[in-house]
């Protein structure tokens, strides 16, 4: 077995049992995963800020115009896209009103208490 000097962590791995999960090095992938998550959140933030600057009503009208243009002959697809876009634009206000409901808050608090017990053992 030759030693790889360019990978210093390679020497510390137990090569007799390659399927031992304790020996798999996950830490080098963590910065990459953090970058992907940060980029995803930043992308959503940019889209939101552009939509807010342009105006949500104008954006909604342009999407519906594109929907009518792209699916002139396919009425079912046009209706599906239209209802999906409507639900997407209404989702924040629907979610906000649902979260204000006291029953939803009670269920959420019970859920987080139980999840905390399972995760942290408390």
PDB file of N, CA and C in Angstrom:
ATOM      1  N   UNK A   1       0.844  -1.173   0.000  1.00  0.00           N
ATOM      2  CA  UNK A   1       0.000   0.000   0.000  1.00  0.00           C
ATOM      3  C   UNK A   1       0.886   1.232   0.000  1.00  0.00           C
ATOM      4  N   UNK A   2       0.671   2.090  -0.970  1.00  0.00           N
ATOM      5  CA  UNK A   2       1.475   3.305  -1.058  1.00  0.00           C
ATOM      6  C   UNK A   2       0.757   4.435  -0.357  1.00  0.00           C
ATOM      7  N   UNK A   3       1.533   5.310   0.199  1.00  0.00           N
ATOM      8  CA  UNK A   3       0.980   6.452   0.911  1.00  0.00           C
ATOM      9  C   UNK A   3       0.825   7.621  -0.053  1.00  0.00           C
ATOM     10  N   UNK A   4      -0.330   8.284   0.020  1.00  0.00           N
ATOM     11  CA  UNK A   4      -0.552   9.455  -0.810  1.00  0.00           C
ATOM     12  C   UNK A   4      -0.237  10.696   0.012  1.00  0.00           C
ATOM     13  N   UNK A   5       0.838  11.366  -0.326  1.00  0.00           N
ATOM     14  CA  UNK A   5       1.259  12.538   0.441  1.00  0.00           C
ATOM     15  C   UNK A   5       0.375  13.750   0.183  1.00  0.00           C
ATOM     16  N   UNK A   6      -0.305  13.770  -0.960  1.00  0.00           N
ATOM     17  CA  UNK A   6      -1.146  14.932  -1.246  1.00  0.00           C
ATOM     18  C   UNK A   6      -2.468  14.877  -0.476  1.00  0.00           C
ATOM     19  N   UNK A   7      -2.847  13.720   0.045  1.00  0.00           N
ATOM     20  CA  UNK A   7      -4.052  13.565   0.857  1.00  0.00           C
ATOM     21  C   UNK A   7      -3.655  13.118   2.249  1.00  0.00           C
ATOM     22  N   UNK A   8      -3.368  14.044   3.170  1.00  0.00           N
ATOM     23  CA  UNK A   8      -2.900  13.644   4.493  1.00  0.00           C
ATOM     24  C   UNK A   8      -3.957  12.868   5.276  1.00  0.00           C
ATOM     25  N   UNK A   9      -5.252  13.098   5.016  1.00  0.00           N
ATOM     26  CA  UNK A   9      -6.288  12.371   5.735  1.00  0.00           C
ATOM     27  C   UNK A   9      -6.410  10.927   5.249  1.00  0.00           C
ATOM     28  N   UNK A  10      -5.852  10.643   4.069  1.00  0.00           N
ATOM     29  CA  UNK A  10      -5.937   9.312   3.487  1.00  0.00           C
ATOM     30  C   UNK A  10      -5.227   8.284   4.360  1.00  0.00           C
ATOM     31  N   UNK A  11      -4.161   8.688   5.001  1.00  0.00           N
ATOM     32  CA  UNK A  11      -3.392   7.751   5.827  1.00  0.00           C
ATOM     33  C   UNK A  11      -4.138   7.361   7.095  1.00  0.00           C
ATOM     34  N   UNK A  12      -5.040   8.215   7.572  1.00  0.00           N
ATOM     35  CA  UNK A  12      -5.758   7.946   8.815  1.00  0.00           C
ATOM     36  C   UNK A  12      -6.987   7.065   8.630  1.00  0.00           C
ATOM     37  N   UNK A  13      -7.345   6.754   7.405  1.00  0.00           N
ATOM     38  CA  UNK A  13      -8.533   5.956   7.147  1.00  0.00           C
ATOM     39  C   UNK A  13      -8.203   4.477   7.303  1.00  0.00           C
ATOM     40  N   UNK A  14      -9.085   3.757   7.951  1.00  0.00           N
ATOM     41  CA  UNK A  14      -8.940   2.315   8.102  1.00  0.00           C
ATOM     42  C   UNK A  14      -9.351   1.669   6.780  1.00  0.00           C
ATOM     43  N   UNK A  15      -8.410   1.130   6.044  1.00  0.00           N
ATOM     44  CA  UNK A  15      -8.681   0.576   4.720  1.00  0.00           C
ATOM     45  C   UNK A  15      -9.169  -0.863   4.779  1.00  0.00           C
ATOM     46  N   UNK A  16      -9.177  -1.489   5.928  1.00  0.00           N
ATOM     47  CA  UNK A  16      -9.647  -2.871   6.001  1.00  0.00           C
ATOM     48  C   UNK A  16     -11.165  -2.946   5.916  1.00  0.00           C
ATOM     49  N   UNK A  17     -11.859  -1.952   6.438  1.00  0.00           N
ATOM     50  CA  UNK A  17     -13.305  -1.943   6.390  1.00  0.00           C
ATOM     51  C   UNK A  17     -13.760  -0.666   5.689  1.00  0.00           C
ATOM     52  N   UNK A  18     -13.961  -0.734   4.384  1.00  0.00           N
ATOM     53  CA  UNK A  18     -14.305   0.457   3.617  1.00  0.00           C
ATOM     54  C   UNK A  18     -15.749   0.894   3.827  1.00  0.00           C
ATOM     55  N   UNK A  19     -16.576   0.022   4.385  1.00  0.00           N
ATOM     56  CA  UNK A  19     -17.979   0.359   4.569  1.00  0.00           C
ATOM     57  C   UNK A  19     -18.277   0.867   5.971  1.00  0.00           C
ATOM     58  N   UNK A  20     -17.270   1.113   6.750  1.00  0.00           N
ATOM     59  CA  UNK A  20     -17.457   1.664   8.083  1.00  0.00           C
ATOM     60  C   UNK A  20     -17.766   3.152   7.945  1.00  0.00           C
ATOM     61  N   UNK A  21     -18.949   3.562   8.362  1.00  0.00           N
ATOM     62  CA  UNK A  21     -19.373   4.948   8.140  1.00  0.00           C
ATOM     63  C   UNK A  21     -18.586   5.952   8.965  1.00  0.00           C
ATOM     64  N   UNK A  22     -17.919   5.510  10.018  1.00  0.00           N
ATOM     65  CA  UNK A  22     -17.131   6.441  10.820  1.00  0.00           C
ATOM     66  C   UNK A  22     -15.905   6.925  10.063  1.00  0.00           C
ATOM     67  N   UNK A  23     -15.457   6.146   9.091  1.00  0.00           N
ATOM     68  CA  UNK A  23     -14.255   6.503   8.354  1.00  0.00           C
ATOM     69  C   UNK A  23     -14.528   7.369   7.127  1.00  0.00           C
ATOM     70  N   UNK A  24     -15.764   7.526   6.748  1.00  0.00           N
ATOM     71  CA  UNK A  24     -16.076   8.328   5.566  1.00  0.00           C
ATOM     72  C   UNK A  24     -15.924   9.799   5.926  1.00  0.00           C
ATOM     73  N   UNK A  25     -15.207  10.506   5.107  1.00  0.00           N
ATOM     74  CA  UNK A  25     -14.938  11.916   5.377  1.00  0.00           C
ATOM     75  C   UNK A  25     -16.038  12.771   4.741  1.00  0.00           C
ATOM     76  N   UNK A  26     -16.946  13.256   5.556  1.00  0.00           N
ATOM     77  CA  UNK A  26     -18.038  14.090   5.069  1.00  0.00           C
ATOM     78  C   UNK A  26     -17.682  15.569   5.189  1.00  0.00           C
ATOM     79  N   UNK A  27     -16.798  15.899   6.105  1.00  0.00           N
ATOM     80  CA  UNK A  27     -16.485  17.298   6.354  1.00  0.00           C
ATOM     81  C   UNK A  27     -15.988  18.082   5.148  1.00  0.00           C
ATOM     82  N   UNK A  28     -15.217  17.508   4.225  1.00  0.00           N
ATOM     83  CA  UNK A  28     -14.814  18.308   3.061  1.00  0.00           C
ATOM     84  C   UNK A  28     -15.986  18.757   2.190  1.00  0.00           C
ATOM     85  N   UNK A  29     -17.119  18.069   2.249  1.00  0.00           N
ATOM     86  CA  UNK A  29     -18.271  18.440   1.430  1.00  0.00           C
ATOM     87  C   UNK A  29     -19.111  19.538   2.078  1.00  0.00           C
ATOM     88  N   UNK A  30     -18.925  19.797   3.354  1.00  0.00           N
ATOM     89  CA  UNK A  30     -19.761  20.766   4.064  1.00  0.00           C
ATOM     90  C   UNK A  30     -19.648  22.177   3.479  1.00  0.00           C
ATOM     91  N   UNK A  31     -18.460  22.714   3.200  1.00  0.00           N
ATOM     92  CA  UNK A  31     -18.414  24.059   2.607  1.00  0.00           C
ATOM     93  C   UNK A  31     -19.130  24.139   1.259  1.00  0.00           C
ATOM     94  N   UNK A  32     -19.051  23.079   0.481  1.00  0.00           N
ATOM     95  CA  UNK A  32     -19.732  23.052  -0.815  1.00  0.00           C
ATOM     96  C   UNK A  32     -21.247  23.078  -0.622  1.00  0.00           C
ATOM     97  N   UNK A  33     -21.737  22.321   0.338  1.00  0.00           N
ATOM     98  CA  UNK A  33     -23.176  22.286   0.611  1.00  0.00           C
ATOM     99  C   UNK A  33     -23.640  23.647   1.121  1.00  0.00           C
ATOM    100  N   UNK A  34     -22.852  24.276   1.972  1.00  0.00           N
ATOM    101  CA  UNK A  34     -23.208  25.605   2.486  1.00  0.00           C
ATOM    102  C   UNK A  34     -23.266  26.613   1.343  1.00  0.00           C
ATOM    103  N   UNK A  35     -22.336  26.520   0.409  1.00  0.00           N
ATOM    104  CA  UNK A  35     -22.345  27.431  -0.741  1.00  0.00           C
ATOM    105  C   UNK A  35     -23.584  27.224  -1.597  1.00  0.00           C
ATOM    106  N   UNK A  36     -23.984  25.971  -1.793  1.00  0.00           N
ATOM    107  CA  UNK A  36     -25.173  25.691  -2.602  1.00  0.00           C
ATOM    108  C   UNK A  36     -26.419  26.255  -1.923  1.00  0.00           C
ATOM    109  N   UNK A  37     -26.536  26.047  -0.621  1.00  0.00           N
ATOM    110  CA  UNK A  37     -27.696  26.567   0.115  1.00  0.00           C
ATOM    111  C   UNK A  37     -27.700  28.090   0.090  1.00  0.00           C
ATOM    112  N   UNK A  38     -26.551  28.709   0.307  1.00  0.00           N
ATOM    113  CA  UNK A  38     -26.468  30.172   0.288  1.00  0.00           C
ATOM    114  C   UNK A  38     -26.820  30.721  -1.088  1.00  0.00           C
ATOM    115  N   UNK A  39     -26.336  30.066  -2.140  1.00  0.00           N
ATOM    116  CA  UNK A  39     -26.650  30.508  -3.499  1.00  0.00           C
ATOM    117  C   UNK A  39     -28.142  30.370  -3.782  1.00  0.00           C
ATOM    118  N   UNK A  40     -28.746  29.295  -3.310  1.00  0.00           N
ATOM    119  CA  UNK A  40     -30.171  29.085  -3.518  1.00  0.00           C
ATOM    120  C   UNK A  40     -30.990  30.169  -2.829  1.00  0.00           C
ATOM    121  N   UNK A  41     -30.632  30.495  -1.597  1.00  0.00           N
ATOM    122  CA  UNK A  41     -31.345  31.541  -0.858  1.00  0.00           C
ATOM    123  C   UNK A  41     -31.120  32.900  -1.512  1.00  0.00           C
ATOM    124  N   UNK A  42     -29.902  33.174  -1.936  1.00  0.00           N
ATOM    125  CA  UNK A  42     -29.603  34.453  -2.594  1.00  0.00           C
ATOM    126  C   UNK A  42     -30.376  34.586  -3.904  1.00  0.00           C
ATOM    127  N   UNK A  43     -30.476  33.498  -4.640  1.00  0.00           N
ATOM    128  CA  UNK A  43     -31.208  33.520  -5.908  1.00  0.00           C
ATOM    129  C   UNK A  43     -32.679  33.859  -5.667  1.00  0.00           C
ATOM    130  N   UNK A  44     -33.262  33.256  -4.648  1.00  0.00           N
ATOM    131  CA  UNK A  44     -34.661  33.546  -4.333  1.00  0.00           C
ATOM    132  C   UNK A  44     -34.819  35.007  -3.889  1.00  0.00           C
ATOM    133  N   UNK A  45     -33.856  35.506  -3.144  1.00  0.00           N
ATOM    134  CA  UNK A  45     -33.900  36.896  -2.718  1.00  0.00           C
ATOM    135  C   UNK A  45     -33.826  37.854  -3.888  1.00  0.00           C
ATOM    136  N   UNK A  46     -32.982  37.549  -4.857  1.00  0.00           N
ATOM    137  CA  UNK A  46     -32.854  38.406  -6.038  1.00  0.00           C
ATOM    138  C   UNK A  46     -34.146  38.385  -6.843  1.00  0.00           C
ATOM    139  N   UNK A  47     -34.713  37.208  -7.033  1.00  0.00           N
ATOM    140  CA  UNK A  47     -35.973  37.113  -7.787  1.00  0.00           C
ATOM    141  C   UNK A  47     -37.075  37.894  -7.071  1.00  0.00           C
ATOM    142  N   UNK A  48     -37.137  37.761  -5.749  1.00  0.00           N
ATOM    143  CA  UNK A  48     -38.154  38.495  -4.985  1.00  0.00           C
ATOM    144  C   UNK A  48     -37.952  40.004  -5.099  1.00  0.00           C
ATOM    145  N   UNK A  49     -36.709  40.455  -4.976  1.00  0.00           N
ATOM    146  CA  UNK A  49     -36.466  41.901  -5.037  1.00  0.00           C
ATOM    147  C   UNK A  49     -36.764  42.461  -6.430  1.00  0.00           C
ATOM    148  N   UNK A  50     -36.434  41.715  -7.474  1.00  0.00           N
ATOM    149  CA  UNK A  50     -36.741  42.165  -8.836  1.00  0.00           C
ATOM    150  C   UNK A  50     -38.256  42.209  -9.039  1.00  0.00           C
ATOM    151  N   UNK A  51     -38.950  41.173  -8.554  1.00  0.00           N
ATOM    152  CA  UNK A  51     -40.409  41.146  -8.696  1.00  0.00           C
ATOM    153  C   UNK A  51     -41.050  42.285  -7.911  1.00  0.00           C
ATOM    154  N   UNK A  52     -40.511  42.564  -6.747  1.00  0.00           N
ATOM    155  CA  UNK A  52     -41.062  43.658  -5.937  1.00  0.00           C
ATOM    156  C   UNK A  52     -40.821  45.008  -6.609  1.00  0.00           C
ATOM    157  N   UNK A  53     -39.646  45.175  -7.196  1.00  0.00           N
ATOM    158  CA  UNK A  53     -39.316  46.429  -7.879  1.00  0.00           C
ATOM    159  C   UNK A  53     -40.188  46.615  -9.124  1.00  0.00           C
ATOM    160  N   UNK A  54     -40.376  45.534  -9.886  1.00  0.00           N
ATOM    161  CA  UNK A  54     -41.175  45.600 -11.114  1.00  0.00           C
ATOM    162  C   UNK A  54     -42.651  45.738 -10.784  1.00  0.00           C
ATOM    163  N   UNK A  55     -43.069  45.095  -9.721  1.00  0.00           N
ATOM    164  CA  UNK A  55     -44.474  45.138  -9.306  1.00  0.00           C
ATOM    165  C   UNK A  55     -45.140  43.795  -9.533  1.00  0.00           C
ATOM    166  N   UNK A  56     -45.744  43.272  -8.479  1.00  0.00           N
ATOM    167  CA  UNK A  56     -46.383  41.962  -8.575  1.00  0.00           C
ATOM    168  C   UNK A  56     -47.585  41.950  -9.522  1.00  0.00           C
ATOM    169  N   UNK A  57     -48.419  42.997  -9.547  1.00  0.00           N
ATOM    170  CA  UNK A  57     -49.525  42.977 -10.516  1.00  0.00           C
ATOM    171  C   UNK A  57     -49.042  42.949 -11.964  1.00  0.00           C
ATOM    172  N   UNK A  58     -48.012  43.736 -12.260  1.00  0.00           N
ATOM    173  CA  UNK A  58     -47.470  43.730 -13.629  1.00  0.00           C
ATOM    174  C   UNK A  58     -46.857  42.374 -13.959  1.00  0.00           C
ATOM    175  N   UNK A  59     -46.143  41.819 -13.006  1.00  0.00           N
ATOM    176  CA  UNK A  59     -45.532  40.504 -13.212  1.00  0.00           C
ATOM    177  C   UNK A  59     -46.605  39.445 -13.463  1.00  0.00           C
ATOM    178  N   UNK A  60     -47.685  39.501 -12.694  1.00  0.00           N
ATOM    179  CA  UNK A  60     -48.787  38.554 -12.866  1.00  0.00           C
ATOM    180  C   UNK A  60     -49.400  38.695 -14.264  1.00  0.00           C
ATOM    181  N   UNK A  61     -49.630  39.937 -14.710  1.00  0.00           N
ATOM    182  CA  UNK A  61     -50.193  40.153 -16.039  1.00  0.00           C
ATOM    183  C   UNK A  61     -49.278  39.629 -17.134  1.00  0.00           C
ATOM    184  N   UNK A  62     -47.964  39.858 -16.993  1.00  0.00           N
ATOM    185  CA  UNK A  62     -47.012  39.382 -18.017  1.00  0.00           C
ATOM    186  C   UNK A  62     -46.967  37.853 -18.066  1.00  0.00           C
ATOM    187  N   UNK A  63     -47.046  37.221 -16.902  1.00  0.00           N
ATOM    188  CA  UNK A  63     -47.042  35.755 -16.886  1.00  0.00           C
ATOM    189  C   UNK A  63     -48.306  35.223 -17.552  1.00  0.00           C
ATOM    190  N   UNK A  64     -49.448  35.862 -17.295  1.00  0.00           N
ATOM    191  CA  UNK A  64     -50.694  35.420 -17.926  1.00  0.00           C
ATOM    192  C   UNK A  64     -50.676  35.672 -19.434  1.00  0.00           C
ATOM    193  N   UNK A  65     -50.071  36.768 -19.865  1.00  0.00           N
ATOM    194  CA  UNK A  65     -49.929  37.015 -21.306  1.00  0.00           C
ATOM    195  C   UNK A  65     -49.071  35.939 -21.950  1.00  0.00           C
ATOM    196  N   UNK A  66     -47.961  35.606 -21.295  1.00  0.00           N
ATOM    197  CA  UNK A  66     -47.091  34.554 -21.827  1.00  0.00           C
ATOM    198  C   UNK A  66     -47.813  33.214 -21.839  1.00  0.00           C
ATOM    199  N   UNK A  67     -48.632  32.961 -20.833  1.00  0.00           N
ATOM    200  CA  UNK A  67     -49.393  31.720 -20.769  1.00  0.00           C
ATOM    201  C   UNK A  67     -50.378  31.638 -21.939  1.00  0.00           C
ATOM    202  N   UNK A  68     -51.080  32.740 -22.196  1.00  0.00           N
ATOM    203  CA  UNK A  68     -52.029  32.746 -23.323  1.00  0.00           C
ATOM    204  C   UNK A  68     -51.302  32.595 -24.653  1.00  0.00           C
ATOM    205  N   UNK A  69     -50.143  33.194 -24.785  1.00  0.00           N
ATOM    206  CA  UNK A  69     -49.386  33.104 -26.036  1.00  0.00           C
ATOM    207  C   UNK A  69     -48.808  31.704 -26.254  1.00  0.00           C
ATOM    208  N   UNK A  70     -48.259  31.122 -25.192  1.00  0.00           N
ATOM    209  CA  UNK A  70     -47.587  29.829 -25.331  1.00  0.00           C
ATOM    210  C   UNK A  70     -48.577  28.671 -25.519  1.00  0.00           C
ATOM    211  N   UNK A  71     -49.724  28.761 -24.877  1.00  0.00           N
ATOM    212  CA  UNK A  71     -50.681  27.662 -24.937  1.00  0.00           C
ATOM    213  C   UNK A  71     -51.983  28.109 -25.585  1.00  0.00           C
ATOM    214  N   UNK A  72     -51.872  28.669 -26.788  1.00  0.00           N
ATOM    215  CA  UNK A  72     -53.063  29.141 -27.508  1.00  0.00           C
ATOM    216  C   UNK A  72     -54.036  27.994 -27.768  1.00  0.00           C
ATOM    217  N   UNK A  73     -53.503  26.884 -28.212  1.00  0.00           N
ATOM    218  CA  UNK A  73     -54.350  25.781 -28.655  1.00  0.00           C
ATOM    219  C   UNK A  73     -54.649  24.761 -27.568  1.00  0.00           C
ATOM    220  N   UNK A  74     -53.949  24.805 -26.467  1.00  0.00           N
ATOM    221  CA  UNK A  74     -54.125  23.810 -25.414  1.00  0.00           C
ATOM    222  C   UNK A  74     -54.808  24.468 -24.212  1.00  0.00           C
ATOM    223  N   UNK A  75     -56.123  24.366 -24.177  1.00  0.00           N
ATOM    224  CA  UNK A  75     -56.914  25.056 -23.155  1.00  0.00           C
ATOM    225  C   UNK A  75     -56.675  24.453 -21.771  1.00  0.00           C
ATOM    226  N   UNK A  76     -56.557  23.137 -21.687  1.00  0.00           N
ATOM    227  CA  UNK A  76     -56.372  22.486 -20.386  1.00  0.00           C
ATOM    228  C   UNK A  76     -55.055  22.920 -19.737  1.00  0.00           C
ATOM    229  N   UNK A  77     -54.000  22.948 -20.518  1.00  0.00           N
ATOM    230  CA  UNK A  77     -52.703  23.364 -19.980  1.00  0.00           C
ATOM    231  C   UNK A  77     -52.736  24.826 -19.575  1.00  0.00           C
ATOM    232  N   UNK A  78     -53.394  25.652 -20.378  1.00  0.00           N
ATOM    233  CA  UNK A  78     -53.483  27.080 -20.064  1.00  0.00           C
ATOM    234  C   UNK A  78     -54.233  27.292 -18.747  1.00  0.00           C
ATOM    235  N   UNK A  79     -55.324  26.548 -18.528  1.00  0.00           N
ATOM    236  CA  UNK A  79     -56.071  26.667 -17.269  1.00  0.00           C
ATOM    237  C   UNK A  79     -55.234  26.170 -16.092  1.00  0.00           C
ATOM    238  N   UNK A  80     -54.505  25.068 -16.296  1.00  0.00           N
ATOM    239  CA  UNK A  80     -53.667  24.529 -15.220  1.00  0.00           C
ATOM    240  C   UNK A  80     -52.579  25.519 -14.829  1.00  0.00           C
ATOM    241  N   UNK A  81     -51.887  26.078 -15.812  1.00  0.00           N
ATOM    242  CA  UNK A  81     -50.820  27.049 -15.534  1.00  0.00           C
ATOM    243  C   UNK A  81     -51.408  28.284 -14.863  1.00  0.00           C
ATOM    244  N   UNK A  82     -52.558  28.729 -15.342  1.00  0.00           N
ATOM    245  CA  UNK A  82     -53.198  29.910 -14.763  1.00  0.00           C
ATOM    246  C   UNK A  82     -53.558  29.685 -13.296  1.00  0.00           C
ATOM    247  N   UNK A  83     -54.150  28.547 -12.973  1.00  0.00           N
ATOM    248  CA  UNK A  83     -54.521  28.288 -11.580  1.00  0.00           C
ATOM    249  C   UNK A  83     -53.288  28.101 -10.701  1.00  0.00           C
ATOM    250  N   UNK A  84     -52.241  27.498 -11.247  1.00  0.00           N
ATOM    251  CA  UNK A  84     -51.007  27.317 -10.480  1.00  0.00           C
ATOM    252  C   UNK A  84     -50.354  28.661 -10.175  1.00  0.00           C
ATOM    253  N   UNK A  85     -50.322  29.555 -11.145  1.00  0.00           N
ATOM    254  CA  UNK A  85     -49.740  30.885 -10.934  1.00  0.00           C
ATOM    255  C   UNK A  85     -50.574  31.673  -9.926  1.00  0.00           C
ATOM    256  N   UNK A  86     -51.898  31.565 -10.018  1.00  0.00           N
ATOM    257  CA  UNK A  86     -52.761  32.248  -9.049  1.00  0.00           C
ATOM    258  C   UNK A  86     -52.490  31.745  -7.633  1.00  0.00           C
ATOM    259  N   UNK A  87     -52.389  30.435  -7.465  1.00  0.00           N
ATOM    260  CA  UNK A  87     -52.114  29.874  -6.144  1.00  0.00           C
ATOM    261  C   UNK A  87     -50.751  30.315  -5.634  1.00  0.00           C
ATOM    262  N   UNK A  88     -49.775  30.389  -6.528  1.00  0.00           N
ATOM    263  CA  UNK A  88     -48.432  30.797  -6.130  1.00  0.00           C
ATOM    264  C   UNK A  88     -48.419  32.245  -5.647  1.00  0.00           C
ATOM    265  N   UNK A  89     -49.137  33.116  -6.339  1.00  0.00           N
ATOM    266  CA  UNK A  89     -49.182  34.518  -5.935  1.00  0.00           C
ATOM    267  C   UNK A  89     -49.992  34.718  -4.658  1.00  0.00           C
ATOM    268  N   UNK A  90     -50.960  33.837  -4.403  1.00  0.00           N
ATOM    269  CA  UNK A  90     -51.790  33.969  -3.202  1.00  0.00           C
ATOM    270  C   UNK A  90     -51.218  33.223  -2.000  1.00  0.00           C
ATOM    271  N   UNK A  91     -50.218  32.403  -2.209  1.00  0.00           N
ATOM    272  CA  UNK A  91     -49.679  31.558  -1.148  1.00  0.00           C
ATOM    273  C   UNK A  91     -49.184  32.337   0.072  1.00  0.00           C
ATOM    274  N   UNK A  92     -48.418  33.413  -0.078  1.00  0.00           N
ATOM    275  CA  UNK A  92     -47.939  34.117   1.129  1.00  0.00           C
ATOM    276  C   UNK A  92     -49.072  34.627   2.014  1.00  0.00           C
ATOM    277  N   UNK A  93     -50.107  35.205   1.428  1.00  0.00           N
ATOM    278  CA  UNK A  93     -51.206  35.710   2.263  1.00  0.00           C
ATOM    279  C   UNK A  93     -52.008  34.558   2.854  1.00  0.00           C
ATOM    280  N   UNK A  94     -52.168  33.467   2.118  1.00  0.00           N
ATOM    281  CA  UNK A  94     -52.877  32.300   2.644  1.00  0.00           C
ATOM    282  C   UNK A  94     -52.110  31.685   3.798  1.00  0.00           C
ATOM    283  N   UNK A  95     -50.803  31.569   3.637  1.00  0.00           N
ATOM    284  CA  UNK A  95     -49.973  31.004   4.704  1.00  0.00           C
ATOM    285  C   UNK A  95     -49.968  31.908   5.928  1.00  0.00           C
ATOM    286  N   UNK A  96     -49.902  33.203   5.720  1.00  0.00           N
ATOM    287  CA  UNK A  96     -49.890  34.140   6.844  1.00  0.00           C
ATOM    288  C   UNK A  96     -51.199  34.084   7.622  1.00  0.00           C
ATOM    289  N   UNK A  97     -52.313  34.013   6.915  1.00  0.00           N
ATOM    290  CA  UNK A  97     -53.595  33.939   7.617  1.00  0.00           C
ATOM    291  C   UNK A  97     -53.743  32.600   8.334  1.00  0.00           C
ATOM    292  N   UNK A  98     -53.206  31.527   7.766  1.00  0.00           N
ATOM    293  CA  UNK A  98     -53.272  30.216   8.427  1.00  0.00           C
ATOM    294  C   UNK A  98     -52.405  30.202   9.675  1.00  0.00           C
ATOM    295  N   UNK A  99     -51.261  30.853   9.636  1.00  0.00           N
ATOM    296  CA  UNK A  99     -50.371  30.864  10.796  1.00  0.00           C
ATOM    297  C   UNK A  99     -50.913  31.713  11.942  1.00  0.00           C
ATOM    298  N   UNK A 100     -51.804  32.633  11.640  1.00  0.00           N
ATOM    299  CA  UNK A 100     -52.405  33.455  12.686  1.00  0.00           C
ATOM    300  C   UNK A 100     -53.492  32.700  13.457  1.00  0.00           C
ATOM    301  N   UNK A 101     -53.958  31.600  12.892  1.00  0.00           N
ATOM    302  CA  UNK A 101     -54.990  30.798  13.550  1.00  0.00           C
ATOM    303  C   UNK A 101     -54.401  30.143  14.796  1.00  0.00           C
ATOM    304  N   UNK A 102     -55.118  30.251  15.918  1.00  0.00           N
ATOM    305  CA  UNK A 102     -54.589  29.742  17.187  1.00  0.00           C
ATOM    306  C   UNK A 102     -54.463  28.222  17.185  1.00  0.00           C
ATOM    307  N   UNK A 103     -55.345  27.527  16.467  1.00  0.00           N
ATOM    308  CA  UNK A 103     -55.254  26.059  16.416  1.00  0.00           C
ATOM    309  C   UNK A 103     -53.980  25.621  15.705  1.00  0.00           C
ATOM    310  N   UNK A 104     -53.629  26.333  14.647  1.00  0.00           N
ATOM    311  CA  UNK A 104     -52.400  26.014  13.916  1.00  0.00           C
ATOM    312  C   UNK A 104     -51.188  26.255  14.808  1.00  0.00           C
ATOM    313  N   UNK A 105     -51.225  27.337  15.588  1.00  0.00           N
ATOM    314  CA  UNK A 105     -50.118  27.635  16.491  1.00  0.00           C
ATOM    315  C   UNK A 105     -49.983  26.567  17.571  1.00  0.00           C
ATOM    316  N   UNK A 106     -51.097  26.050  18.073  1.00  0.00           N
ATOM    317  CA  UNK A 106     -51.049  24.996  19.081  1.00  0.00           C
ATOM    318  C   UNK A 106     -50.450  23.718  18.502  1.00  0.00           C
ATOM    319  N   UNK A 107     -50.885  23.347  17.305  1.00  0.00           N
ATOM    320  CA  UNK A 107     -50.349  22.139  16.667  1.00  0.00           C
ATOM    321  C   UNK A 107     -48.865  22.312  16.386  1.00  0.00           C
ATOM    322  N   UNK A 108     -48.470  23.485  15.917  1.00  0.00           N
ATOM    323  CA  UNK A 108     -47.052  23.725  15.617  1.00  0.00           C
ATOM    324  C   UNK A 108     -46.208  23.653  16.880  1.00  0.00           C
ATOM    325  N   UNK A 109     -46.696  24.216  17.978  1.00  0.00           N
ATOM    326  CA  UNK A 109     -45.913  24.174  19.217  1.00  0.00           C
ATOM    327  C   UNK A 109     -45.797  22.744  19.738  1.00  0.00           C
ATOM    328  N   UNK A 110     -46.873  21.963  19.653  1.00  0.00           N
ATOM    329  CA  UNK A 110     -46.798  20.556  20.061  1.00  0.00           C
ATOM    330  C   UNK A 110     -45.824  19.777  19.182  1.00  0.00           C
ATOM    331  N   UNK A 111     -45.876  20.058  17.883  1.00  0.00           N
ATOM    332  CA  UNK A 111     -44.975  19.377  16.954  1.00  0.00           C
ATOM    333  C   UNK A 111     -43.519  19.667  17.302  1.00  0.00           C
ATOM    334  N   UNK A 112     -43.188  20.940  17.546  1.00  0.00           N
ATOM    335  CA  UNK A 112     -41.802  21.294  17.833  1.00  0.00           C
ATOM    336  C   UNK A 112     -41.344  20.751  19.177  1.00  0.00           C
ATOM    337  N   UNK A 113     -42.268  20.651  20.144  1.00  0.00           N
ATOM    338  CA  UNK A 113     -41.900  20.043  21.427  1.00  0.00           C
ATOM    339  C   UNK A 113     -41.551  18.577  21.235  1.00  0.00           C
ATOM    340  N   UNK A 114     -42.386  17.848  20.471  1.00  0.00           N
ATOM    341  CA  UNK A 114     -42.130  16.435  20.226  1.00  0.00           C
ATOM    342  C   UNK A 114     -40.874  16.239  19.373  1.00  0.00           C
ATOM    343  N   UNK A 115     -40.693  17.100  18.391  1.00  0.00           N
ATOM    344  CA  UNK A 115     -39.498  17.000  17.559  1.00  0.00           C
ATOM    345  C   UNK A 115     -38.253  17.272  18.375  1.00  0.00           C
ATOM    346  N   UNK A 116     -38.320  18.235  19.304  1.00  0.00           N
ATOM    347  CA  UNK A 116     -37.190  18.520  20.171  1.00  0.00           C
ATOM    348  C   UNK A 116     -36.847  17.350  21.061  1.00  0.00           C
ATOM    349  N   UNK A 117     -37.888  16.654  21.555  1.00  0.00           N
ATOM    350  CA  UNK A 117     -37.645  15.472  22.378  1.00  0.00           C
ATOM    351  C   UNK A 117     -36.939  14.371  21.594  1.00  0.00           C
ATOM    352  N   UNK A 118     -37.365  14.179  20.338  1.00  0.00           N
ATOM    353  CA  UNK A 118     -36.775  13.121  19.512  1.00  0.00           C
ATOM    354  C   UNK A 118     -35.356  13.482  19.095  1.00  0.00           C
ATOM    355  N   UNK A 119     -35.150  14.752  18.780  1.00  0.00           N
ATOM    356  CA  UNK A 119     -33.829  15.162  18.284  1.00  0.00           C
ATOM    357  C   UNK A 119     -32.825  15.289  19.418  1.00  0.00           C
ATOM    358  N   UNK A 120     -33.227  15.994  20.479  1.00  0.00           N
ATOM    359  CA  UNK A 120     -32.296  16.303  21.554  1.00  0.00           C
ATOM    360  C   UNK A 120     -32.419  15.384  22.762  1.00  0.00           C
ATOM    361  N   UNK A 121     -33.425  14.525  22.777  1.00  0.00           N
ATOM    362  CA  UNK A 121     -33.596  13.581  23.867  1.00  0.00           C
ATOM    363  C   UNK A 121     -34.037  14.228  25.163  1.00  0.00           C
ATOM    364  N   UNK A 122     -34.698  15.360  25.089  1.00  0.00           N
ATOM    365  CA  UNK A 122     -35.152  16.056  26.307  1.00  0.00           C
ATOM    366  C   UNK A 122     -36.644  15.940  26.445  1.00  0.00           C
TER     367      UNK A 122
END
